[in-house]
Protein backbone atom coordinates (compact mmCIF):
# COMPACT_ATOMS: atom_id res chain seq x y z
CA MET A 1 0.05 0.00 -0.09
CA ASP A 2 1.14 3.57 -0.92
CA ARG A 3 2.38 5.53 2.07
CA TRP A 4 2.47 9.15 0.59
CA TRP A 5 -0.33 10.24 3.15
CA ARG A 6 2.21 9.26 5.96
CA LEU A 7 4.76 12.00 4.84
CA PRO A 8 5.12 15.18 6.97
CA VAL A 9 3.01 18.08 5.77
CA SER A 10 6.05 20.25 5.07
CA GLU A 11 7.41 17.64 2.63
CA LEU A 12 4.02 17.40 0.89
CA LEU A 13 3.87 21.24 0.46
CA LEU A 14 7.44 21.24 -1.08
CA ALA A 15 6.48 18.57 -3.48
CA CYS A 16 3.51 20.44 -4.68
CA VAL A 17 5.44 23.61 -5.14
CA PHE A 18 8.05 21.64 -7.25
CA LEU A 19 5.44 20.04 -9.49
CA TRP A 20 3.90 23.56 -10.01
CA PHE A 21 7.14 25.25 -10.96
CA LEU A 22 8.24 22.25 -13.18
CA PRO A 23 6.45 23.53 -16.51
CA VAL A 24 7.74 27.14 -15.91
CA LEU A 25 11.33 25.84 -15.55
CA ALA A 26 11.04 23.67 -18.77
CA CYS A 27 9.86 26.73 -20.73
CA ALA A 28 12.74 28.84 -19.34
CA GLN A 29 15.23 26.54 -20.75
CA GLN A 30 13.92 26.77 -24.37
CA PRO A 31 15.73 29.27 -26.63
CA SER A 32 13.78 32.41 -27.12
CA LEU A 33 12.38 33.31 -30.73
CA PRO A 34 13.45 36.61 -32.28
CA ALA A 35 11.08 39.45 -32.08
CA THR A 36 11.18 40.22 -35.80
CA SER A 37 9.46 38.08 -38.39
CA PRO A 38 11.53 36.08 -40.87
CA GLN A 39 10.93 38.65 -43.56
CA ALA A 40 11.83 41.81 -41.42
CA ILE A 41 15.58 41.47 -42.34
CA THR A 42 16.84 40.53 -45.76
CA PRO A 43 19.41 38.03 -46.34
CA GLN A 44 22.08 40.61 -46.62
CA GLY A 45 21.23 42.00 -43.30
CA GLN A 46 19.56 45.14 -44.85
CA LEU A 47 16.30 46.62 -43.81
CA PRO A 48 13.60 45.97 -46.49
CA GLY A 49 11.63 48.73 -48.08
CA SER A 50 8.34 48.87 -49.97
CA ILE A 51 7.28 49.73 -53.64
CA SER A 52 3.97 51.34 -54.42
CA GLY A 53 2.37 53.33 -57.24
CA ILE A 54 -0.74 54.08 -59.06
CA VAL A 55 -1.79 52.89 -62.59
CA ILE A 56 -3.81 55.22 -64.90
CA ASP A 57 -4.87 55.43 -68.40
CA VAL A 58 -4.12 58.10 -71.03
CA GLY A 59 -7.02 59.88 -69.84
CA GLU A 60 -5.77 60.00 -66.37
CA THR A 61 -8.45 57.58 -65.07
CA VAL A 62 -7.28 55.11 -62.33
CA VAL A 63 -7.12 51.50 -63.70
CA ALA A 64 -8.54 49.04 -61.06
CA GLY A 65 -7.82 45.38 -61.41
CA ALA A 66 -4.56 45.74 -63.36
CA HIS A 67 -2.10 42.84 -62.80
CA VAL A 68 1.39 44.05 -61.41
CA THR A 69 4.35 41.73 -61.36
CA LEU A 70 7.46 42.66 -59.36
CA VAL A 71 11.02 41.06 -60.23
CA THR A 72 14.01 41.96 -58.16
CA GLY A 73 17.64 41.29 -58.70
CA SER A 74 17.92 39.39 -55.42
CA SER A 75 15.09 36.94 -56.11
CA ALA A 76 14.38 34.62 -58.96
CA GLN A 77 10.67 34.43 -58.17
CA ALA A 78 8.28 37.07 -59.24
CA ARG A 79 5.79 38.67 -56.89
CA GLU A 80 2.27 39.66 -58.03
CA ALA A 81 -0.45 42.18 -56.93
CA THR A 82 -3.55 43.59 -58.33
CA THR A 83 -4.39 47.34 -58.26
CA ASP A 84 -7.24 48.37 -55.89
CA ALA A 85 -10.35 50.56 -56.81
CA GLY A 86 -7.95 53.55 -56.59
CA GLY A 87 -5.61 52.14 -59.02
CA ALA A 88 -3.13 51.67 -56.35
CA PHE A 89 -0.66 48.74 -55.58
CA VAL A 90 1.94 48.06 -52.95
CA PHE A 91 4.71 45.47 -52.47
CA PRO A 92 6.11 45.39 -48.88
CA ASP A 93 9.26 43.74 -47.70
CA VAL A 94 11.34 44.47 -50.81
CA ALA A 95 15.08 43.97 -50.64
CA ALA A 96 17.22 46.78 -51.78
CA GLY A 97 18.56 46.58 -55.51
CA ASP A 98 17.31 46.84 -58.97
CA PHE A 99 13.73 45.90 -59.82
CA LYS A 100 11.32 45.61 -62.63
CA LEU A 101 7.62 46.12 -62.69
CA THR A 102 5.30 44.78 -65.37
CA VAL A 103 1.73 46.00 -65.46
CA THR A 104 -0.83 44.25 -67.70
CA CYS A 105 -4.51 44.82 -68.02
CA GLU A 106 -7.16 43.43 -70.46
CA GLY A 107 -7.43 45.80 -73.48
CA LEU A 108 -4.42 47.88 -72.53
CA GLU A 109 -0.86 47.63 -73.70
CA PRO A 110 1.55 46.16 -71.02
CA THR A 111 4.08 48.50 -69.68
CA LEU A 112 7.57 47.92 -68.07
CA THR A 113 9.04 50.13 -65.26
CA SER A 114 12.40 49.63 -63.73
CA GLY A 115 14.32 51.31 -60.94
CA THR A 116 16.71 50.83 -58.16
CA MET A 117 15.66 50.97 -54.37
CA GLN A 118 17.86 51.61 -51.36
CA ALA A 119 17.84 49.74 -48.17
CA GLY A 120 14.74 50.76 -46.25
CA GLU A 121 13.34 53.01 -48.82
CA THR A 122 9.69 53.65 -49.35
CA TYR A 123 9.82 53.78 -53.13
CA LEU A 124 6.81 55.61 -54.90
CA VAL A 125 6.80 54.72 -58.54
CA PRO A 126 5.75 57.62 -60.94
CA LYS A 127 2.33 57.11 -62.18
CA ILE A 128 2.34 54.36 -64.62
CA VAL A 129 0.30 55.14 -67.88
CA LEU A 130 -1.41 52.24 -69.83
CA ARG A 131 -2.38 52.86 -73.45
CA VAL A 132 -5.07 51.23 -75.36
CA ALA A 133 -3.91 48.15 -77.03
CA THR A 134 -3.93 48.33 -80.85
CA ALA A 135 -4.90 44.65 -81.14
CA HIS A 136 -8.00 45.19 -79.08
CA SER A 137 -9.17 48.41 -80.42
CA SER A 138 -10.74 48.80 -83.89
CA VAL A 139 -10.34 52.56 -83.68
CA ASP A 140 -6.61 52.44 -83.15
CA VAL A 141 -6.07 49.65 -85.87
CA SER A 142 -7.19 52.21 -88.41
CA LEU A 143 -4.95 54.90 -87.30
CA SER A 144 -1.64 55.56 -89.15
CA ARG A 145 1.62 55.96 -87.23
CA TYR A 146 1.27 59.77 -87.77
CA ASP A 147 -2.15 59.91 -86.22
CA VAL A 148 -1.04 57.71 -83.24
CA ALA A 149 2.17 59.92 -82.51
CA GLU A 150 0.64 63.29 -83.36
CA PRO A 151 -0.87 64.09 -79.70
CA GLU A 152 2.64 63.41 -78.07
CA VAL A 153 4.42 65.35 -80.82
CA LYS A 154 2.10 68.22 -80.41
CA ALA A 155 2.62 68.21 -76.72
CA GLU A 156 6.37 68.25 -77.17
CA GLU A 157 6.19 71.15 -79.59
CA LYS A 158 4.90 73.28 -76.50
CA GLN A 159 7.80 72.41 -74.31
CA ARG A 160 10.05 75.42 -73.74
CA LEU A 161 12.93 75.98 -71.13
CA VAL A 162 11.82 78.97 -68.95
CA GLY A 163 9.13 79.50 -71.42
CA ALA A 164 11.28 80.67 -74.10
CA ILE A 165 13.75 78.17 -75.68
CA PRO A 166 12.34 75.15 -77.49
CA ASN A 167 12.75 71.77 -75.67
CA TYR A 168 11.10 69.70 -78.28
CA TYR A 169 13.45 66.70 -78.44
CA VAL A 170 12.59 65.17 -75.08
CA ALA A 171 9.85 62.66 -74.41
CA TYR A 172 8.67 62.68 -70.83
CA ASP A 173 6.42 59.68 -71.64
CA TRP A 174 8.73 56.59 -71.65
CA ASN A 175 6.15 54.72 -74.00
CA ALA A 176 5.79 57.57 -76.52
CA PRO A 177 4.97 56.14 -79.89
CA PRO A 178 7.64 56.48 -82.76
CA MET A 179 7.31 59.53 -85.05
CA ALA A 180 6.36 59.31 -88.56
CA LYS A 181 8.76 60.55 -91.29
CA ARG A 182 6.83 63.72 -91.69
CA GLN A 183 6.82 64.50 -88.02
CA LYS A 184 10.52 64.14 -87.84
CA PHE A 185 10.94 66.76 -90.50
CA GLU A 186 8.37 68.95 -88.96
CA LEU A 187 10.08 68.87 -85.55
CA ALA A 188 13.53 69.62 -87.03
CA TRP A 189 12.19 72.47 -89.23
CA LYS A 190 10.30 74.20 -86.37
CA SER A 191 13.43 73.95 -84.09
CA THR A 192 15.47 75.54 -86.88
CA ILE A 193 13.13 78.55 -87.69
CA ASP A 194 12.11 79.19 -84.00
CA PRO A 195 12.90 82.93 -83.18
CA SER A 196 14.94 81.77 -80.19
CA SER A 197 17.37 80.18 -82.60
CA PHE A 198 18.01 83.39 -84.50
CA ILE A 199 18.66 85.34 -81.23
CA ILE A 200 21.03 82.63 -79.85
CA GLU A 201 23.01 82.52 -83.07
CA ALA A 202 23.01 86.40 -83.16
CA GLY A 203 24.58 86.51 -79.75
CA PHE A 204 27.26 83.85 -80.59
CA ALA A 205 28.10 85.79 -83.59
CA GLY A 206 28.65 89.02 -81.62
CA ILE A 207 30.89 87.16 -79.21
CA GLN A 208 32.93 85.71 -82.06
CA GLN A 209 33.34 89.13 -83.64
CA ALA A 210 34.38 90.71 -80.31
CA GLN A 211 37.05 88.02 -79.88
CA ASN A 212 37.93 88.08 -83.62
CA ASP A 213 37.21 84.34 -84.09
CA TYR A 214 37.53 83.30 -87.73
CA PRO A 215 39.32 86.44 -88.87
CA GLY A 216 38.91 85.58 -92.36
CA PHE A 217 35.28 86.85 -92.03
CA GLY A 218 36.62 90.35 -91.25
CA GLN A 219 34.97 92.93 -89.10
CA GLY A 220 32.26 95.43 -89.16
CA ALA A 221 28.54 94.61 -90.39
CA GLU A 222 29.78 92.33 -93.26
CA GLY A 223 31.99 90.23 -90.85
CA TYR A 224 29.20 90.00 -88.49
CA GLY A 225 26.82 88.88 -91.05
CA LYS A 226 29.12 86.18 -92.18
CA ARG A 227 29.58 84.96 -88.71
CA PHE A 228 25.84 84.82 -88.16
CA GLY A 229 25.08 83.18 -91.42
CA ALA A 230 27.79 80.41 -90.80
CA GLY A 231 26.35 79.74 -87.30
CA MET A 232 22.82 79.39 -88.75
CA ALA A 233 24.08 77.14 -91.37
CA THR A 234 25.76 74.92 -88.95
CA GLU A 235 22.63 74.85 -86.69
CA SER A 236 20.29 74.26 -89.51
CA THR A 237 22.49 71.46 -91.01
CA GLY A 238 22.75 69.80 -87.66
CA ASN A 239 19.00 69.95 -86.94
CA ILE A 240 17.87 68.67 -90.40
CA LEU A 241 20.56 65.87 -90.90
CA GLY A 242 20.61 64.68 -87.15
CA GLY A 243 16.91 65.23 -86.48
CA ALA A 244 15.23 64.16 -89.70
CA VAL A 245 17.25 62.83 -92.51
CA PHE A 246 19.42 60.35 -90.83
CA PRO A 247 16.72 59.26 -88.36
CA ILE A 248 14.52 58.42 -91.22
CA LEU A 249 17.22 56.51 -93.23
CA PHE A 250 18.04 54.36 -90.10
CA ARG A 251 14.55 54.35 -88.75
CA GLN A 252 15.59 55.97 -85.24
CA ASP A 253 13.84 58.22 -82.96
CA PRO A 254 15.95 61.37 -82.48
CA ARG A 255 14.29 62.24 -79.13
CA TYR A 256 15.72 61.85 -75.54
CA PHE A 257 13.38 59.59 -73.46
CA TYR A 258 13.34 60.89 -69.89
CA LYS A 259 14.01 58.12 -67.41
CA GLY A 260 13.29 59.67 -64.00
CA THR A 261 13.55 56.48 -61.89
CA GLY A 262 16.41 54.63 -60.24
CA SER A 263 19.57 55.73 -58.40
CA PHE A 264 21.51 58.70 -59.34
CA TRP A 265 24.33 56.71 -61.00
CA SER A 266 21.95 54.59 -63.04
CA ARG A 267 20.10 57.63 -64.40
CA ALA A 268 23.44 59.41 -65.11
CA GLY A 269 24.91 56.31 -66.83
CA TYR A 270 21.80 56.10 -68.93
CA ALA A 271 21.72 59.90 -69.88
CA LEU A 272 25.42 59.81 -70.84
CA SER A 273 24.93 56.51 -72.80
CA THR A 274 22.40 58.15 -75.09
CA ALA A 275 25.10 60.04 -76.82
CA VAL A 276 25.97 56.95 -78.59
CA ILE A 277 22.85 54.68 -78.33
CA ILE A 278 19.21 55.61 -79.40
CA ARG A 279 15.85 54.01 -79.50
CA GLY A 280 14.77 52.64 -82.82
CA ASP A 281 11.33 53.10 -84.39
CA ASN A 282 10.92 49.35 -83.35
CA GLY A 283 11.21 50.33 -79.80
CA ARG A 284 14.85 48.53 -79.36
CA TRP A 285 17.88 50.36 -78.33
CA GLN A 286 20.68 50.38 -80.99
CA PRO A 287 23.80 52.39 -81.89
CA SER A 288 23.03 56.09 -82.55
CA TYR A 289 24.03 56.04 -86.37
CA SER A 290 21.80 59.09 -87.00
CA GLY A 291 23.13 61.26 -84.07
CA ILE A 292 26.81 60.31 -84.74
CA LEU A 293 26.56 60.85 -88.47
CA GLY A 294 24.67 64.12 -87.94
CA ASN A 295 27.47 65.56 -85.68
CA PHE A 296 30.24 64.54 -88.22
CA SER A 297 28.29 65.65 -91.27
CA ALA A 298 27.60 69.10 -89.76
CA ALA A 299 31.20 69.41 -88.96
CA GLY A 300 32.26 68.42 -92.42
CA LEU A 301 29.99 70.78 -94.22
CA SER A 302 31.09 73.70 -92.30
CA ASN A 303 34.29 73.76 -94.25
CA LEU A 304 32.32 74.77 -97.27
CA TYR A 305 31.41 78.23 -95.81
CA TYR A 306 34.01 78.98 -93.04
CA PRO A 307 36.92 81.04 -94.43
CA ALA A 308 39.99 78.91 -95.75
CA SER A 309 42.26 80.30 -93.01
CA SER A 310 40.05 78.73 -90.49
CA ARG A 311 39.77 75.30 -91.99
CA GLN A 312 42.12 72.60 -90.69
CA GLY A 313 41.13 69.59 -92.73
CA ALA A 314 39.85 66.29 -91.49
CA GLY A 315 41.44 66.67 -88.20
CA LEU A 316 39.11 69.61 -87.31
CA THR A 317 36.16 67.93 -88.62
CA ILE A 318 36.75 64.88 -86.53
CA SER A 319 37.44 66.75 -83.31
CA ASN A 320 34.21 68.93 -83.91
CA GLY A 321 32.29 65.72 -84.47
CA VAL A 322 33.54 64.17 -81.22
CA VAL A 323 32.80 67.46 -79.23
CA GLY A 324 29.26 67.35 -80.73
CA ILE A 325 28.79 63.85 -79.43
CA ALA A 326 30.15 64.87 -75.98
CA PHE A 327 27.90 67.77 -75.96
CA ASN A 328 24.76 65.59 -76.70
CA GLY A 329 25.77 63.49 -73.70
CA ALA A 330 26.13 66.44 -71.43
CA SER A 331 22.83 67.86 -72.57
CA ASN A 332 20.93 64.79 -71.95
CA LEU A 333 22.48 64.55 -68.37
CA LEU A 334 21.07 68.05 -67.84
CA GLN A 335 17.75 66.97 -69.25
CA GLU A 336 17.62 64.01 -66.73
CA PHE A 337 18.35 65.94 -63.56
CA VAL A 338 17.89 69.85 -64.15
CA LEU A 339 16.02 71.03 -67.22
CA ARG A 340 12.84 69.07 -66.58
CA LYS A 341 12.08 71.48 -63.79
CA LEU A 342 12.71 74.50 -66.03
CA THR A 343 10.52 73.14 -68.91
CA THR A 344 7.02 74.63 -69.08
CA HIS A 345 4.12 72.59 -70.72
CA SER A 346 6.06 69.17 -70.33
CA SER A 347 3.75 66.19 -71.16
CA SER A 348 4.29 64.67 -67.63
CA LYS A 349 5.45 66.99 -64.88
CA PRO A 350 6.80 65.50 -61.60
């Protein structure tokens, strides 16, 4: 027979206390779990961020139910989301690095957006604009390339730096449709005959005369007129050849396509690279045959009307052509970071 009831009362109380604390002691010996969730810290030890944005159509109406796919450089798997009633989407817990967003919606053209996110950043993507898919719209199927591109080109013809200097050759819509042949000529011609072009060249001619550049032109009104005429000829040649003739021959788009997203270095690298690469009418990036030949052709033709004493043969032509290419890269760098804020009537303001 058990004799537990014969134990002293003090020992019985001690045994009960021990049995009561036994589960507590067992739990205390287990390792504690981290306070953060497994997704709160990235494998690289960096804080995650989030990517969000809004999807609209060309009429600036929000697009609900659009399918958004996110692919990051640190993950081989795509993440998916759907825009809500306000056209918004968000991806939480995104690791730092490059990313790509693909947006699709029934009846609309798919759109690809890319960028670079820093650790812990709350990245707001610029409004994503979806256009009507030509394959799903009987109206768009009947439109010519000229008709499709005309609204964007007309908007670009209103773009001016500080309201005065034309800034036609910048597309703030990354998905701007390619221009037709006629539109390339029209844009080049309007840029050439704009009053600001004459005023700028008149100022350069005055500076050249004051410094006695190209002394073969002489001085006085006649010398000034020759300098002004030579400057306008060079400007016009560059506009027509680099903005229309060669882009038509090589089927390339002479405009600079504003990027606006990503890190400073990725945007700067893109802007500088556009001095030697260009978007084709087929939407693919390719060597800038039209831009490079336009610069060298304008430099070569200048030998026809500058005084013989100022001509230095092929060497000067090559150096002027290289300078022209470098100038294009520097100009596009300014377009990416500075000039958008100074441009009135841009098609997509920040």
